[in-house]
Amino acid sequence: MKTKSIDRIKEQRQQQIEMSVKAYAKSGDVVHLEDIEAINEHYDEILKNMQLSSYFHARNFS
């Protein structure tokens, strides 16, 4: 279950990055590059929180 969730999150990240890359290629506006940075930070935070949640959940049951 957790692996599927992580894979789905990574897939969503990739899709959003691809959309921003295409938008940048079309318009040349650097705001789309900033979007990519924000997307990466957002999904990094989600994945980190998932890892911490799993860590604390495991500690509570050990």
C-alpha atoms as a PDB file:
ATOM      1  CA  MET A   1       0.000   0.000   0.000  1.00  0.00           C
ATOM      2  CA  LYS A   2       2.695   2.483   1.002  1.00  0.00           C
ATOM      3  CA  THR A   3       4.725   1.678  -2.112  1.00  0.00           C
ATOM      4  CA  LYS A   4       1.700   2.316  -4.314  1.00  0.00           C
ATOM      5  CA  SER A   5       1.114   5.661  -2.593  1.00  0.00           C
ATOM      6  CA  ILE A   6       4.742   6.681  -3.028  1.00  0.00           C
ATOM      7  CA  ASP A   7       4.694   5.614  -6.672  1.00  0.00           C
ATOM      8  CA  ARG A   8       1.506   7.606  -7.259  1.00  0.00           C
ATOM      9  CA  ILE A   9       2.999  10.694  -5.634  1.00  0.00           C
ATOM     10  CA  LYS A  10       6.119  10.394  -7.775  1.00  0.00           C
ATOM     11  CA  GLU A  11       3.945   9.973 -10.862  1.00  0.00           C
ATOM     12  CA  GLN A  12       1.936  13.108 -10.010  1.00  0.00           C
ATOM     13  CA  ARG A  13       5.172  15.028  -9.466  1.00  0.00           C
ATOM     14  CA  GLN A  14       6.486  13.919 -12.848  1.00  0.00           C
ATOM     15  CA  GLN A  15       3.262  14.890 -14.612  1.00  0.00           C
ATOM     16  CA  GLN A  16       3.284  18.351 -13.081  1.00  0.00           C
ATOM     17  CA  ILE A  17       6.938  18.874 -13.949  1.00  0.00           C
ATOM     18  CA  GLU A  18       6.301  17.792 -17.539  1.00  0.00           C
ATOM     19  CA  MET A  19       3.438  20.288 -17.805  1.00  0.00           C
ATOM     20  CA  SER A  20       5.695  23.081 -16.530  1.00  0.00           C
ATOM     21  CA  VAL A  21       8.514  22.093 -18.908  1.00  0.00           C
ATOM     22  CA  LYS A  22       6.101  22.149 -21.844  1.00  0.00           C
ATOM     23  CA  ALA A  23       4.739  25.520 -20.753  1.00  0.00           C
ATOM     24  CA  TYR A  24       8.284  26.880 -20.449  1.00  0.00           C
ATOM     25  CA  ALA A  25       9.207  25.531 -23.890  1.00  0.00           C
ATOM     26  CA  LYS A  26       6.130  27.165 -25.371  1.00  0.00           C
ATOM     27  CA  SER A  27       6.357  30.563 -23.673  1.00  0.00           C
ATOM     28  CA  GLY A  28       9.957  30.900 -22.500  1.00  0.00           C
ATOM     29  CA  ASP A  29       8.643  32.442 -19.282  1.00  0.00           C
ATOM     30  CA  VAL A  30      10.955  31.588 -16.365  1.00  0.00           C
ATOM     31  CA  VAL A  31       7.983  31.455 -13.996  1.00  0.00           C
ATOM     32  CA  HIS A  32       7.491  27.898 -15.239  1.00  0.00           C
ATOM     33  CA  LEU A  33      11.004  26.994 -14.079  1.00  0.00           C
ATOM     34  CA  GLU A  34      10.146  28.433 -10.678  1.00  0.00           C
ATOM     35  CA  ASP A  35       7.032  26.253 -10.734  1.00  0.00           C
ATOM     36  CA  ILE A  36       9.228  23.180 -11.159  1.00  0.00           C
ATOM     37  CA  GLU A  37      11.243  24.137  -8.102  1.00  0.00           C
ATOM     38  CA  ALA A  38       8.047  24.656  -6.101  1.00  0.00           C
ATOM     39  CA  ILE A  39       6.641  21.325  -7.313  1.00  0.00           C
ATOM     40  CA  ASN A  40       9.790  19.514  -6.222  1.00  0.00           C
ATOM     41  CA  GLU A  41       9.752  21.165  -2.808  1.00  0.00           C
ATOM     42  CA  HIS A  42       6.066  20.354  -2.354  1.00  0.00           C
ATOM     43  CA  TYR A  43       6.433  16.678  -3.205  1.00  0.00           C
ATOM     44  CA  ASP A  44       9.686  16.343  -1.245  1.00  0.00           C
ATOM     45  CA  GLU A  45       7.788  17.576   1.798  1.00  0.00           C
ATOM     46  CA  ILE A  46       4.946  15.100   1.220  1.00  0.00           C
ATOM     47  CA  LEU A  47       7.359  12.183   0.887  1.00  0.00           C
ATOM     48  CA  LYS A  48       9.324  13.271   3.946  1.00  0.00           C
ATOM     49  CA  ASN A  49       6.126  13.491   5.987  1.00  0.00           C
ATOM     50  CA  MET A  50       5.114  10.014   4.838  1.00  0.00           C
ATOM     51  CA  GLN A  51       8.475   8.635   5.936  1.00  0.00           C
ATOM     52  CA  LEU A  52       8.262  10.357   9.321  1.00  0.00           C
ATOM     53  CA  SER A  53       4.716   9.145   9.789  1.00  0.00           C
ATOM     54  CA  SER A  54       5.791   5.572   9.078  1.00  0.00           C
ATOM     55  CA  TYR A  55       8.757   5.911  11.416  1.00  0.00           C
ATOM     56  CA  PHE A  56       6.661   7.148  14.321  1.00  0.00           C
ATOM     57  CA  HIS A  57       3.920   4.623  13.607  1.00  0.00           C
ATOM     58  CA  ALA A  58       6.491   1.814  13.729  1.00  0.00           C
ATOM     59  CA  ARG A  59       8.002   3.133  16.964  1.00  0.00           C
ATOM     60  CA  ASN A  60       4.594   3.213  18.632  1.00  0.00           C
ATOM     61  CA  PHE A  61       4.104  -0.478  17.914  1.00  0.00           C
ATOM     62  CA  SER A  62       7.588  -1.701  18.844  1.00  0.00           C
END
